[in-house]
Amino acid sequence: MSDHPNLTVLAHPLIQHKLALLRDRRTPTKDFRDLVAEIAMLMAYEVTKELPTAPVELETPLERTTGAKVAGKKLALVPILRAGLGMVEGILRLVPSARVGHIGLYRNEETLEPVDYYFKAPSAREERDFLLLDPMLATGGSAVAACATLKQAGARSIRFLCIVAAPPGVERMLRAHPDVPIYAAALDRELNAKGYILPGLGDAGDRIFGTR
């Protein structure tokens, strides 16, 4: 998008259909959780379409032939706790060999800045493609901090996947991490006074885990 050079909105009809169901306040917890996983899987399909491949010789039941396998860097999924966990299962259905790390953040009540409380990621980080996962990109504070943590740990290739983004978060990511592309199912209008995305889909963590 010309106004947001770091953002790609994935407008696939199935993603948009499921996003409409996700936004609906009447969608129950189980369906919401399933939809998050399904959207994440569809997004990952789009995001990984340019992965390099290498030829591989194999035997079909009838003859010998040449196929293709994914080559190059291995994928690692890193959800931002807790809502990012909802995106992991769907992507693992598509890429079951991906490794999974975790980043836990909380907001300092005085500074309002995110603080790491947990970090665990696969080894050989400089050799991996990291997909950083969080359903919502609102102010961008958590995303910026999570990217910084991954980079400090040695990650060189990071892509950020979210379901719904707001302009302030996209712009903050561009200023802090211009090398990290963002993929979203939608770019929403704005944030309200409490930092919630409008029109948004509510608190993704609460709706995924039934704690609303």
Protein backbone atom coordinates (compact mmCIF):
# COMPACT_ATOMS: atom_id res chain seq x y z
CA MET A 1 0.00 0.00 0.00
CA SER A 2 1.47 3.35 -1.05
CA ASP A 3 0.78 5.05 2.31
CA HIS A 4 2.24 2.08 4.20
CA PRO A 5 5.17 0.60 2.24
CA ASN A 6 5.82 -2.00 4.94
CA LEU A 7 2.25 -3.39 4.82
CA THR A 8 0.66 -6.04 2.61
CA VAL A 9 -3.08 -6.59 3.03
CA LEU A 10 -4.08 -10.11 2.01
CA ALA A 11 -7.42 -9.68 0.26
CA HIS A 12 -8.06 -13.33 -0.62
CA PRO A 13 -11.85 -13.92 -0.63
CA LEU A 14 -11.67 -16.76 1.91
CA ILE A 15 -9.61 -14.62 4.29
CA GLN A 16 -12.08 -11.76 3.99
CA HIS A 17 -15.09 -14.07 4.44
CA LYS A 18 -13.65 -15.55 7.63
CA LEU A 19 -12.64 -12.11 8.87
CA ALA A 20 -16.25 -10.94 8.60
CA LEU A 21 -17.31 -13.87 10.79
CA LEU A 22 -14.48 -13.10 13.20
CA ARG A 23 -15.62 -9.50 13.65
CA ASP A 24 -19.19 -10.48 14.51
CA ARG A 25 -19.80 -10.03 18.24
CA ARG A 26 -22.17 -13.02 18.17
CA THR A 27 -19.43 -15.46 17.13
CA PRO A 28 -18.89 -17.88 20.05
CA THR A 29 -15.50 -18.66 21.56
CA LYS A 30 -14.93 -21.99 19.82
CA ASP A 31 -15.83 -20.60 16.40
CA PHE A 32 -13.70 -17.51 17.02
CA ARG A 33 -10.72 -19.68 17.95
CA ASP A 34 -11.20 -21.87 14.87
CA LEU A 35 -11.50 -18.83 12.61
CA VAL A 36 -8.28 -17.30 13.94
CA ALA A 37 -6.45 -20.56 13.17
CA GLU A 38 -8.00 -20.81 9.70
CA ILE A 39 -7.17 -17.21 8.79
CA ALA A 40 -3.60 -17.68 10.04
CA MET A 41 -3.22 -20.78 7.86
CA LEU A 42 -4.53 -18.95 4.78
CA MET A 43 -2.27 -15.99 5.50
CA ALA A 44 0.75 -18.26 5.89
CA TYR A 45 -0.07 -19.84 2.53
CA GLU A 46 0.14 -16.39 0.93
CA VAL A 47 3.19 -15.24 2.90
CA THR A 48 5.24 -18.34 2.06
CA LYS A 49 4.43 -18.45 -1.67
CA GLU A 50 7.91 -17.20 -2.59
CA LEU A 51 9.88 -19.71 -0.52
CA PRO A 52 12.72 -21.14 -2.63
CA THR A 53 12.53 -24.76 -3.70
CA ALA A 54 15.09 -27.35 -4.78
CA PRO A 55 14.59 -30.37 -7.05
CA VAL A 56 14.34 -33.79 -5.49
CA GLU A 57 14.43 -37.20 -7.19
CA LEU A 58 11.75 -39.66 -6.12
CA GLU A 59 9.93 -42.82 -7.09
CA THR A 60 6.18 -42.76 -7.70
CA PRO A 61 4.34 -46.10 -7.72
CA LEU A 62 4.87 -46.10 -11.52
CA GLU A 63 8.17 -44.41 -12.33
CA ARG A 64 11.04 -42.19 -11.26
CA THR A 65 10.45 -38.44 -11.45
CA THR A 66 11.64 -35.07 -10.18
CA GLY A 67 9.67 -33.14 -7.59
CA ALA A 68 10.37 -30.02 -5.56
CA LYS A 69 10.97 -29.41 -1.87
CA VAL A 70 11.27 -26.24 0.15
CA ALA A 71 14.90 -25.18 0.38
CA GLY A 72 16.82 -22.48 2.19
CA LYS A 73 16.00 -21.13 5.63
CA LYS A 74 13.75 -23.04 8.00
CA LEU A 75 10.62 -21.44 9.42
CA ALA A 76 10.11 -20.53 13.07
CA LEU A 77 6.82 -19.28 14.51
CA VAL A 78 6.94 -16.87 17.43
CA PRO A 79 3.56 -15.88 18.91
CA ILE A 80 3.35 -12.84 21.19
CA LEU A 81 1.63 -14.11 24.32
CA ARG A 82 -1.13 -14.61 24.79
CA ALA A 83 -3.33 -13.88 21.77
CA GLY A 84 -0.63 -14.88 19.28
CA LEU A 85 -1.01 -18.48 20.45
CA GLY A 86 -4.30 -18.63 18.58
CA MET A 87 -2.49 -18.31 15.24
CA VAL A 88 0.07 -21.07 15.79
CA GLU A 89 -2.08 -24.16 15.25
CA GLY A 90 -3.35 -23.07 11.86
CA ILE A 91 0.13 -22.37 10.50
CA LEU A 92 1.47 -25.64 11.90
CA ARG A 93 -1.20 -27.48 9.91
CA LEU A 94 0.38 -26.01 6.80
CA VAL A 95 4.04 -26.23 7.91
CA PRO A 96 4.22 -28.98 10.55
CA SER A 97 8.03 -28.92 10.57
CA ALA A 98 8.18 -25.27 11.74
CA ARG A 99 9.74 -24.65 15.15
CA VAL A 100 7.81 -22.59 17.72
CA GLY A 101 9.16 -19.99 20.14
CA HIS A 102 7.33 -17.61 22.48
CA ILE A 103 7.59 -13.97 23.53
CA GLY A 104 5.76 -12.73 26.63
CA LEU A 105 5.22 -9.00 27.16
CA TYR A 106 3.41 -6.85 29.71
CA ARG A 107 2.86 -3.09 29.88
CA ASN A 108 4.65 -1.11 32.58
CA GLU A 109 1.89 0.83 34.36
CA GLU A 110 4.10 3.88 34.87
CA THR A 111 5.88 4.18 31.53
CA LEU A 112 3.17 2.38 29.51
CA GLU A 113 6.00 0.71 27.57
CA PRO A 114 6.10 -3.07 26.95
CA VAL A 115 8.46 -5.16 29.10
CA ASP A 116 9.65 -8.68 28.23
CA TYR A 117 8.84 -11.31 30.83
CA TYR A 118 9.47 -14.44 28.77
CA PHE A 119 11.48 -15.31 25.67
CA LYS A 120 12.29 -18.67 24.15
CA ALA A 121 13.14 -19.21 20.49
CA PRO A 122 14.72 -21.97 18.38
CA SER A 123 18.49 -22.04 18.02
CA ALA A 124 20.43 -21.14 14.83
CA ARG A 125 18.35 -17.95 14.72
CA GLU A 126 20.42 -16.25 12.05
CA GLU A 127 19.56 -19.16 9.71
CA ARG A 128 15.78 -19.07 10.18
CA ASP A 129 12.84 -17.18 8.75
CA PHE A 130 10.79 -15.96 11.72
CA LEU A 131 7.06 -15.35 11.51
CA LEU A 132 6.10 -13.13 14.45
CA LEU A 133 2.42 -13.62 15.28
CA ASP A 134 -0.17 -11.40 16.96
CA PRO A 135 -3.82 -11.05 15.85
CA MET A 136 -3.86 -7.30 16.52
CA LEU A 137 -1.41 -4.54 15.59
CA ALA A 138 -2.81 -1.53 17.45
CA THR A 139 -0.32 0.98 18.88
CA GLY A 140 2.60 -1.17 17.76
CA GLY A 141 4.33 -1.17 21.14
CA SER A 142 4.36 -4.94 21.58
CA ALA A 143 5.29 -5.63 17.97
CA VAL A 144 8.21 -3.19 18.06
CA ALA A 145 9.49 -4.68 21.33
CA ALA A 146 9.10 -8.25 20.09
CA CYS A 147 11.04 -7.49 16.91
CA ALA A 148 13.80 -5.90 18.96
CA THR A 149 13.99 -8.97 21.20
CA LEU A 150 14.27 -11.31 18.22
CA LYS A 151 16.94 -9.17 16.58
CA GLN A 152 18.96 -8.99 19.80
CA ALA A 153 18.80 -12.80 19.93
CA GLY A 154 20.28 -13.04 16.43
CA ALA A 155 17.27 -13.17 14.09
CA ARG A 156 17.95 -11.64 10.68
CA SER A 157 14.75 -12.46 8.81
CA ILE A 158 11.45 -11.47 10.47
CA ARG A 159 7.95 -11.07 9.09
CA PHE A 160 5.04 -9.88 11.20
CA LEU A 161 1.63 -11.49 10.70
CA CYS A 162 -1.51 -9.99 12.19
CA ILE A 163 -5.19 -10.28 11.37
CA VAL A 164 -6.19 -6.66 11.93
CA ALA A 165 -3.86 -3.64 11.88
CA ALA A 166 -4.35 0.05 12.66
CA PRO A 167 -2.41 2.88 10.98
CA PRO A 168 -0.56 4.00 14.17
CA GLY A 169 0.89 0.52 14.68
CA VAL A 170 1.92 0.13 11.06
CA GLU A 171 3.60 3.54 11.10
CA ARG A 172 5.39 2.85 14.38
CA MET A 173 6.73 -0.43 12.99
CA LEU A 174 7.97 1.34 9.89
CA ARG A 175 9.90 3.86 11.99
CA ALA A 176 11.40 1.27 14.34
CA HIS A 177 11.84 -1.75 12.02
CA PRO A 178 11.63 -0.74 8.35
CA ASP A 179 13.14 -4.11 7.41
CA VAL A 180 10.22 -6.10 8.88
CA PRO A 181 7.32 -6.51 6.44
CA ILE A 182 3.80 -6.65 7.89
CA TYR A 183 1.05 -8.91 6.54
CA ALA A 184 -2.53 -8.31 7.64
CA ALA A 185 -6.02 -9.42 6.67
CA ALA A 186 -7.26 -5.82 7.09
CA LEU A 187 -6.06 -2.30 7.76
CA ASP A 188 -8.73 -0.78 9.98
CA ARG A 189 -9.65 2.87 10.40
CA GLU A 190 -8.20 4.03 13.71
CA LEU A 191 -7.71 3.50 17.44
CA ASN A 192 -10.19 4.69 20.04
CA ALA A 193 -9.23 6.54 23.23
CA LYS A 194 -8.44 3.22 24.98
CA GLY A 195 -6.21 1.98 22.18
CA TYR A 196 -8.70 -0.50 20.70
CA ILE A 197 -8.81 -0.91 16.93
CA LEU A 198 -11.94 0.39 15.18
CA PRO A 199 -13.94 -1.31 13.77
CA GLY A 200 -11.72 -4.13 14.99
CA LEU A 201 -12.92 -7.37 16.51
CA GLY A 202 -12.70 -6.70 20.24
CA ASP A 203 -10.03 -8.12 22.54
CA ALA A 204 -8.61 -11.03 20.56
CA GLY A 205 -7.09 -12.74 23.60
CA ASP A 206 -10.32 -12.65 25.56
CA ARG A 207 -12.33 -13.92 22.61
CA ILE A 208 -9.88 -16.72 21.82
CA PHE A 209 -9.68 -18.01 25.39
CA GLY A 210 -13.19 -17.17 26.56
CA THR A 211 -12.09 -14.72 29.28
CA ARG A 212 -14.21 -11.75 28.20
